[in-house]
Amino acid sequence: MIAIFVNSQTVLVVAVIVAGVFIGVNNTVTTQAVMMVSPVERPVASAAYGFVRFIGGGLAPYAAGRLVEHTNIHVPFAIGAGVIVLGIAILTTGHRDLANAERRQAEVDAHAGKGEVDAEVTEAAEAGSGSGS
């Protein structure tokens, strides 16, 4: 929507606010999912994920500006929409890993709720989530 109405200040303000509502939730869910399915220890996964997120956040404004200079103002938004579709396609391939990680986390939570946190359950969950020591 932003790509079409780049000249409407009202549309831009409303679209940014609405997107912001979802971005906060999405960041939390995505971070948790990455930590759950990572095959490496949690600190390593967190560092790698943070690097990718923040390098993208730093380079995107520069790249978008250059695209606008050489094409038009709509192109960066169209590329962004295409990348979202590509991301959805990639994420659908990891559905099985996420489902397994959620199942393991639910098992740990169920045992913890009963006060039955034992080494084997915790170890199995950490091995599956990549957060072992």
N, C-alpha and C. Protein backbone atom coordinates (compact mmCIF):
# COMPACT_ATOMS: atom_id res chain seq x y z
N MET A 1 0.83 -1.17 0.00
CA MET A 1 0.00 0.00 0.00
C MET A 1 0.88 1.26 0.00
N ILE A 2 1.97 1.23 0.78
CA ILE A 2 2.87 2.38 0.81
C ILE A 2 3.47 2.63 -0.57
N ALA A 3 3.78 1.55 -1.31
CA ALA A 3 4.39 1.70 -2.63
C ALA A 3 3.47 2.45 -3.59
N ILE A 4 2.18 2.28 -3.43
CA ILE A 4 1.23 2.93 -4.34
C ILE A 4 0.97 4.38 -3.94
N PHE A 5 0.88 4.63 -2.64
CA PHE A 5 0.50 5.96 -2.15
C PHE A 5 1.68 6.70 -1.51
N VAL A 6 2.83 6.69 -2.16
CA VAL A 6 4.02 7.34 -1.59
C VAL A 6 3.86 8.85 -1.45
N ASN A 7 2.94 9.44 -2.15
CA ASN A 7 2.74 10.89 -2.08
C ASN A 7 1.66 11.31 -1.09
N SER A 8 1.00 10.36 -0.45
CA SER A 8 -0.06 10.67 0.51
C SER A 8 0.49 10.56 1.93
N GLN A 9 0.64 11.69 2.58
CA GLN A 9 1.19 11.69 3.93
C GLN A 9 0.28 10.94 4.90
N THR A 10 -1.02 11.06 4.74
CA THR A 10 -1.97 10.37 5.62
C THR A 10 -1.81 8.86 5.51
N VAL A 11 -1.74 8.36 4.28
CA VAL A 11 -1.59 6.91 4.08
C VAL A 11 -0.26 6.44 4.66
N LEU A 12 0.80 7.19 4.45
CA LEU A 12 2.11 6.80 4.97
C LEU A 12 2.10 6.74 6.50
N VAL A 13 1.52 7.73 7.15
CA VAL A 13 1.48 7.76 8.62
C VAL A 13 0.68 6.58 9.15
N VAL A 14 -0.51 6.36 8.60
CA VAL A 14 -1.36 5.26 9.06
C VAL A 14 -0.69 3.90 8.79
N ALA A 15 -0.11 3.74 7.62
CA ALA A 15 0.53 2.46 7.27
C ALA A 15 1.72 2.17 8.18
N VAL A 16 2.52 3.18 8.50
CA VAL A 16 3.67 2.97 9.38
C VAL A 16 3.22 2.60 10.78
N ILE A 17 2.17 3.24 11.28
CA ILE A 17 1.65 2.92 12.62
C ILE A 17 1.10 1.50 12.66
N VAL A 18 0.30 1.14 11.66
CA VAL A 18 -0.27 -0.21 11.62
C VAL A 18 0.84 -1.26 11.50
N ALA A 19 1.82 -1.00 10.65
CA ALA A 19 2.93 -1.94 10.50
C ALA A 19 3.70 -2.07 11.81
N GLY A 20 3.88 -0.97 12.52
CA GLY A 20 4.61 -0.99 13.78
C GLY A 20 3.98 -1.87 14.83
N VAL A 21 2.65 -1.93 14.83
CA VAL A 21 1.95 -2.79 15.78
C VAL A 21 2.36 -4.25 15.57
N PHE A 22 2.43 -4.65 14.32
CA PHE A 22 2.75 -6.04 14.01
C PHE A 22 4.24 -6.35 14.09
N ILE A 23 5.08 -5.37 13.85
CA ILE A 23 6.52 -5.60 13.84
C ILE A 23 7.03 -6.01 15.23
N GLY A 24 6.52 -5.38 16.28
CA GLY A 24 6.95 -5.73 17.63
C GLY A 24 6.66 -7.18 17.97
N VAL A 25 5.46 -7.61 17.66
CA VAL A 25 5.08 -9.01 17.91
C VAL A 25 5.90 -9.93 17.02
N ASN A 26 6.04 -9.56 15.76
CA ASN A 26 6.79 -10.39 14.82
C ASN A 26 8.24 -10.56 15.25
N ASN A 27 8.87 -9.50 15.72
CA ASN A 27 10.27 -9.61 16.16
C ASN A 27 10.41 -10.60 17.31
N THR A 28 9.49 -10.54 18.26
CA THR A 28 9.55 -11.46 19.40
C THR A 28 9.35 -12.91 18.95
N VAL A 29 8.34 -13.14 18.14
CA VAL A 29 8.05 -14.51 17.68
C VAL A 29 9.18 -15.04 16.81
N THR A 30 9.69 -14.22 15.92
CA THR A 30 10.77 -14.67 15.04
C THR A 30 12.03 -14.98 15.83
N THR A 31 12.37 -14.12 16.78
CA THR A 31 13.56 -14.36 17.59
C THR A 31 13.43 -15.67 18.35
N GLN A 32 12.28 -15.90 18.96
CA GLN A 32 12.07 -17.15 19.71
C GLN A 32 12.16 -18.36 18.77
N ALA A 33 11.58 -18.25 17.59
CA ALA A 33 11.62 -19.37 16.64
C ALA A 33 13.05 -19.66 16.21
N VAL A 34 13.82 -18.62 15.95
CA VAL A 34 15.22 -18.82 15.56
C VAL A 34 15.99 -19.51 16.68
N MET A 35 15.77 -19.09 17.90
CA MET A 35 16.48 -19.68 19.04
C MET A 35 16.07 -21.14 19.24
N MET A 36 14.82 -21.47 18.95
CA MET A 36 14.33 -22.83 19.17
C MET A 36 14.86 -23.81 18.13
N VAL A 37 15.04 -23.39 16.90
CA VAL A 37 15.43 -24.32 15.84
C VAL A 37 16.91 -24.28 15.50
N SER A 38 17.64 -23.40 16.12
CA SER A 38 19.06 -23.28 15.81
C SER A 38 19.83 -24.52 16.23
N PRO A 39 20.73 -25.00 15.36
CA PRO A 39 21.52 -26.17 15.70
C PRO A 39 22.75 -25.83 16.55
N VAL A 40 22.98 -24.56 16.81
CA VAL A 40 24.14 -24.14 17.60
C VAL A 40 23.67 -23.63 18.96
N GLU A 41 24.63 -23.36 19.84
CA GLU A 41 24.28 -22.87 21.17
C GLU A 41 23.56 -21.53 21.07
N ARG A 42 22.71 -21.27 22.04
CA ARG A 42 21.85 -20.09 22.04
C ARG A 42 22.63 -18.77 21.88
N PRO A 43 23.75 -18.56 22.59
CA PRO A 43 24.48 -17.29 22.40
C PRO A 43 25.00 -17.10 20.98
N VAL A 44 25.44 -18.18 20.36
CA VAL A 44 25.95 -18.10 18.98
C VAL A 44 24.80 -17.79 18.03
N ALA A 45 23.68 -18.47 18.21
CA ALA A 45 22.51 -18.23 17.36
C ALA A 45 22.02 -16.79 17.52
N SER A 46 21.99 -16.32 18.76
CA SER A 46 21.53 -14.96 19.02
C SER A 46 22.44 -13.92 18.37
N ALA A 47 23.74 -14.14 18.46
CA ALA A 47 24.69 -13.21 17.86
C ALA A 47 24.57 -13.19 16.34
N ALA A 48 24.46 -14.36 15.74
CA ALA A 48 24.34 -14.44 14.28
C ALA A 48 23.04 -13.80 13.81
N TYR A 49 21.96 -14.10 14.51
CA TYR A 49 20.66 -13.54 14.14
C TYR A 49 20.67 -12.02 14.30
N GLY A 50 21.24 -11.54 15.38
CA GLY A 50 21.33 -10.09 15.60
C GLY A 50 22.16 -9.42 14.52
N PHE A 51 23.26 -10.04 14.13
CA PHE A 51 24.11 -9.48 13.08
C PHE A 51 23.32 -9.33 11.78
N VAL A 52 22.63 -10.39 11.39
CA VAL A 52 21.87 -10.35 10.13
C VAL A 52 20.78 -9.28 10.20
N ARG A 53 20.06 -9.23 11.31
CA ARG A 53 18.99 -8.23 11.45
C ARG A 53 19.53 -6.81 11.37
N PHE A 54 20.57 -6.52 12.13
CA PHE A 54 21.03 -5.15 12.23
C PHE A 54 21.86 -4.71 11.03
N ILE A 55 22.56 -5.62 10.37
CA ILE A 55 23.28 -5.22 9.16
C ILE A 55 22.26 -4.91 8.07
N GLY A 56 21.18 -5.67 8.03
CA GLY A 56 20.11 -5.39 7.07
C GLY A 56 19.44 -4.05 7.36
N GLY A 57 19.21 -3.78 8.65
CA GLY A 57 18.61 -2.51 9.04
C GLY A 57 19.50 -1.33 8.73
N GLY A 58 20.80 -1.55 8.74
CA GLY A 58 21.74 -0.47 8.43
C GLY A 58 21.91 -0.26 6.94
N LEU A 59 21.91 -1.33 6.17
CA LEU A 59 22.14 -1.21 4.73
C LEU A 59 20.88 -0.86 3.94
N ALA A 60 19.72 -1.25 4.45
CA ALA A 60 18.47 -1.05 3.70
C ALA A 60 18.20 0.41 3.34
N PRO A 61 18.33 1.36 4.28
CA PRO A 61 18.04 2.76 3.88
C PRO A 61 18.98 3.26 2.78
N TYR A 62 20.25 2.90 2.86
CA TYR A 62 21.20 3.30 1.84
C TYR A 62 20.83 2.69 0.49
N ALA A 63 20.58 1.40 0.49
CA ALA A 63 20.25 0.71 -0.76
C ALA A 63 18.94 1.24 -1.35
N ALA A 64 17.96 1.50 -0.50
CA ALA A 64 16.69 2.03 -0.99
C ALA A 64 16.88 3.41 -1.61
N GLY A 65 17.70 4.23 -0.97
CA GLY A 65 17.97 5.55 -1.52
C GLY A 65 18.63 5.49 -2.88
N ARG A 66 19.59 4.59 -3.03
CA ARG A 66 20.27 4.43 -4.32
C ARG A 66 19.30 3.92 -5.39
N LEU A 67 18.42 2.99 -5.00
CA LEU A 67 17.42 2.50 -5.95
C LEU A 67 16.51 3.62 -6.43
N VAL A 68 16.08 4.47 -5.51
CA VAL A 68 15.21 5.59 -5.86
C VAL A 68 15.93 6.54 -6.82
N GLU A 69 17.21 6.80 -6.55
CA GLU A 69 17.98 7.68 -7.42
C GLU A 69 18.06 7.16 -8.85
N HIS A 70 18.18 5.84 -9.01
CA HIS A 70 18.38 5.27 -10.33
C HIS A 70 17.11 4.77 -10.99
N THR A 71 16.03 4.64 -10.25
CA THR A 71 14.76 4.17 -10.83
C THR A 71 13.67 5.17 -10.46
N ASN A 72 12.77 4.76 -9.56
CA ASN A 72 11.76 5.67 -9.03
C ASN A 72 11.41 5.26 -7.61
N ILE A 73 10.58 6.05 -6.96
CA ILE A 73 10.30 5.85 -5.54
C ILE A 73 9.53 4.56 -5.24
N HIS A 74 8.89 3.98 -6.23
CA HIS A 74 8.09 2.78 -6.02
C HIS A 74 8.93 1.49 -5.97
N VAL A 75 10.09 1.50 -6.60
CA VAL A 75 10.90 0.28 -6.75
C VAL A 75 11.33 -0.33 -5.41
N PRO A 76 11.86 0.44 -4.44
CA PRO A 76 12.26 -0.21 -3.18
C PRO A 76 11.08 -0.90 -2.47
N PHE A 77 9.90 -0.31 -2.56
CA PHE A 77 8.73 -0.93 -1.93
C PHE A 77 8.33 -2.21 -2.66
N ALA A 78 8.40 -2.19 -3.98
CA ALA A 78 8.08 -3.39 -4.75
C ALA A 78 9.08 -4.51 -4.45
N ILE A 79 10.35 -4.16 -4.35
CA ILE A 79 11.37 -5.17 -4.00
C ILE A 79 11.09 -5.71 -2.59
N GLY A 80 10.76 -4.82 -1.67
CA GLY A 80 10.42 -5.25 -0.30
C GLY A 80 9.26 -6.23 -0.29
N ALA A 81 8.22 -5.96 -1.08
CA ALA A 81 7.07 -6.87 -1.16
C ALA A 81 7.50 -8.22 -1.73
N GLY A 82 8.36 -8.19 -2.74
CA GLY A 82 8.85 -9.45 -3.31
C GLY A 82 9.67 -10.25 -2.32
N VAL A 83 10.48 -9.56 -1.53
CA VAL A 83 11.30 -10.24 -0.52
C VAL A 83 10.41 -10.88 0.56
N ILE A 84 9.32 -10.21 0.90
CA ILE A 84 8.39 -10.79 1.87
C ILE A 84 7.80 -12.09 1.33
N VAL A 85 7.39 -12.09 0.08
CA VAL A 85 6.84 -13.31 -0.53
C VAL A 85 7.90 -14.41 -0.55
N LEU A 86 9.12 -14.06 -0.90
CA LEU A 86 10.21 -15.03 -0.88
C LEU A 86 10.45 -15.56 0.54
N GLY A 87 10.43 -14.67 1.52
CA GLY A 87 10.61 -15.09 2.91
C GLY A 87 9.53 -16.05 3.38
N ILE A 88 8.30 -15.78 2.99
CA ILE A 88 7.20 -16.69 3.35
C ILE A 88 7.44 -18.06 2.74
N ALA A 89 7.87 -18.09 1.50
CA ALA A 89 8.15 -19.37 0.84
C ALA A 89 9.27 -20.12 1.56
N ILE A 90 10.31 -19.41 1.96
CA ILE A 90 11.42 -20.05 2.68
C ILE A 90 10.97 -20.55 4.04
N LEU A 91 10.18 -19.75 4.74
CA LEU A 91 9.73 -20.15 6.08
C LEU A 91 8.82 -21.37 6.04
N THR A 92 8.06 -21.54 4.97
CA THR A 92 7.20 -22.71 4.91
C THR A 92 8.00 -24.00 4.86
N THR A 93 9.26 -23.92 4.40
CA THR A 93 10.08 -25.13 4.36
C THR A 93 10.57 -25.53 5.75
N GLY A 94 10.58 -24.59 6.69
CA GLY A 94 11.05 -24.89 8.04
C GLY A 94 9.93 -25.20 9.02
N HIS A 95 8.73 -25.40 8.52
CA HIS A 95 7.58 -25.63 9.39
C HIS A 95 7.77 -26.86 10.28
N ARG A 96 8.31 -27.92 9.74
CA ARG A 96 8.50 -29.16 10.51
C ARG A 96 9.47 -28.92 11.68
N ASP A 97 10.56 -28.19 11.43
CA ASP A 97 11.52 -27.89 12.49
C ASP A 97 10.88 -27.06 13.60
N LEU A 98 10.09 -26.08 13.21
CA LEU A 98 9.41 -25.24 14.20
C LEU A 98 8.41 -26.05 15.02
N ALA A 99 7.66 -26.92 14.35
CA ALA A 99 6.68 -27.75 15.06
C ALA A 99 7.37 -28.66 16.07
N ASN A 100 8.50 -29.27 15.69
CA ASN A 100 9.25 -30.13 16.61
C ASN A 100 9.80 -29.33 17.79
N ALA A 101 10.31 -28.14 17.51
CA ALA A 101 10.85 -27.30 18.58
C ALA A 101 9.74 -26.88 19.55
N GLU A 102 8.58 -26.54 19.02
CA GLU A 102 7.46 -26.17 19.89
C GLU A 102 7.00 -27.35 20.74
N ARG A 103 7.01 -28.54 20.15
CA ARG A 103 6.61 -29.73 20.91
C ARG A 103 7.59 -29.98 22.06
N ARG A 104 8.89 -29.87 21.77
CA ARG A 104 9.89 -30.07 22.83
C ARG A 104 9.74 -29.02 23.93
N GLN A 105 9.50 -27.77 23.53
CA GLN A 105 9.34 -26.70 24.52
C GLN A 105 8.10 -26.95 25.37
N ALA A 106 7.02 -27.43 24.77
CA ALA A 106 5.80 -27.73 25.52
C ALA A 106 6.05 -28.84 26.53
N GLU A 107 6.86 -29.83 26.16
CA GLU A 107 7.19 -30.91 27.09
C GLU A 107 7.97 -30.36 28.29
N VAL A 108 8.94 -29.50 28.02
CA VAL A 108 9.72 -28.91 29.11
C VAL A 108 8.81 -28.07 30.00
N ASP A 109 7.94 -27.28 29.39
CA ASP A 109 7.03 -26.44 30.17
C ASP A 109 6.08 -27.27 31.02
N ALA A 110 5.61 -28.40 30.47
CA ALA A 110 4.70 -29.27 31.22
C ALA A 110 5.41 -29.86 32.43
N HIS A 111 6.64 -30.30 32.25
CA HIS A 111 7.41 -30.85 33.37
C HIS A 111 7.73 -29.77 34.39
N ALA A 112 8.05 -28.59 33.93
CA ALA A 112 8.39 -27.49 34.84
C ALA A 112 7.17 -27.07 35.64
N GLY A 113 5.99 -27.12 35.03
CA GLY A 113 4.76 -26.76 35.72
C GLY A 113 4.43 -27.73 36.83
N LYS A 114 4.88 -28.95 36.70
CA LYS A 114 4.64 -29.97 37.72
C LYS A 114 5.77 -30.01 38.74
N GLY A 115 6.76 -29.16 38.56
CA GLY A 115 7.90 -29.17 39.45
C GLY A 115 8.83 -30.33 39.18
N GLU A 116 8.75 -30.89 37.98
CA GLU A 116 9.54 -32.07 37.63
C GLU A 116 10.70 -31.73 36.71
N VAL A 117 11.34 -30.64 36.94
CA VAL A 117 12.46 -30.28 36.07
C VAL A 117 13.62 -31.20 36.43
N ASP A 118 13.91 -32.11 35.55
CA ASP A 118 15.05 -32.99 35.80
C ASP A 118 16.07 -32.80 34.69
N ALA A 119 17.23 -33.32 34.91
CA ALA A 119 18.34 -33.09 34.00
C ALA A 119 18.07 -33.64 32.61
N GLU A 120 17.40 -34.81 32.52
CA GLU A 120 17.17 -35.42 31.21
C GLU A 120 16.24 -34.58 30.36
N VAL A 121 15.15 -34.07 30.94
CA VAL A 121 14.19 -33.27 30.20
C VAL A 121 14.84 -31.97 29.75
N THR A 122 15.54 -31.31 30.65
CA THR A 122 16.20 -30.05 30.31
C THR A 122 17.26 -30.28 29.25
N GLU A 123 18.03 -31.36 29.40
CA GLU A 123 19.09 -31.67 28.43
C GLU A 123 18.50 -31.95 27.05
N ALA A 124 17.40 -32.70 27.00
CA ALA A 124 16.77 -33.02 25.73
C ALA A 124 16.24 -31.75 25.06
N ALA A 125 15.65 -30.88 25.83
CA ALA A 125 15.12 -29.64 25.26
C ALA A 125 16.24 -28.75 24.75
N GLU A 126 17.32 -28.66 25.52
CA GLU A 126 18.44 -27.82 25.11
C GLU A 126 19.12 -28.40 23.87
N ALA A 127 19.23 -29.71 23.80
CA ALA A 127 19.84 -30.33 22.62
C ALA A 127 19.00 -30.06 21.39
N GLY A 128 17.68 -30.09 21.55
CA GLY A 128 16.80 -29.82 20.42
C GLY A 128 16.76 -28.37 20.04
N SER A 129 17.01 -27.46 20.99
CA SER A 129 16.92 -26.03 20.69
C SER A 129 18.26 -25.41 20.40
N GLY A 130 19.33 -26.15 20.59
CA GLY A 130 20.65 -25.60 20.33
C GLY A 130 21.16 -24.72 21.44
N SER A 131 20.56 -24.83 22.66
CA SER A 131 20.98 -23.96 23.74
C SER A 131 21.72 -24.70 24.85
N GLY A 132 22.35 -25.79 24.47
CA GLY A 132 23.11 -26.56 25.46
C GLY A 132 24.36 -25.83 25.89
N SER A 133 24.99 -26.31 26.96
CA SER A 133 26.19 -25.63 27.44
C SER A 133 27.46 -26.14 26.85
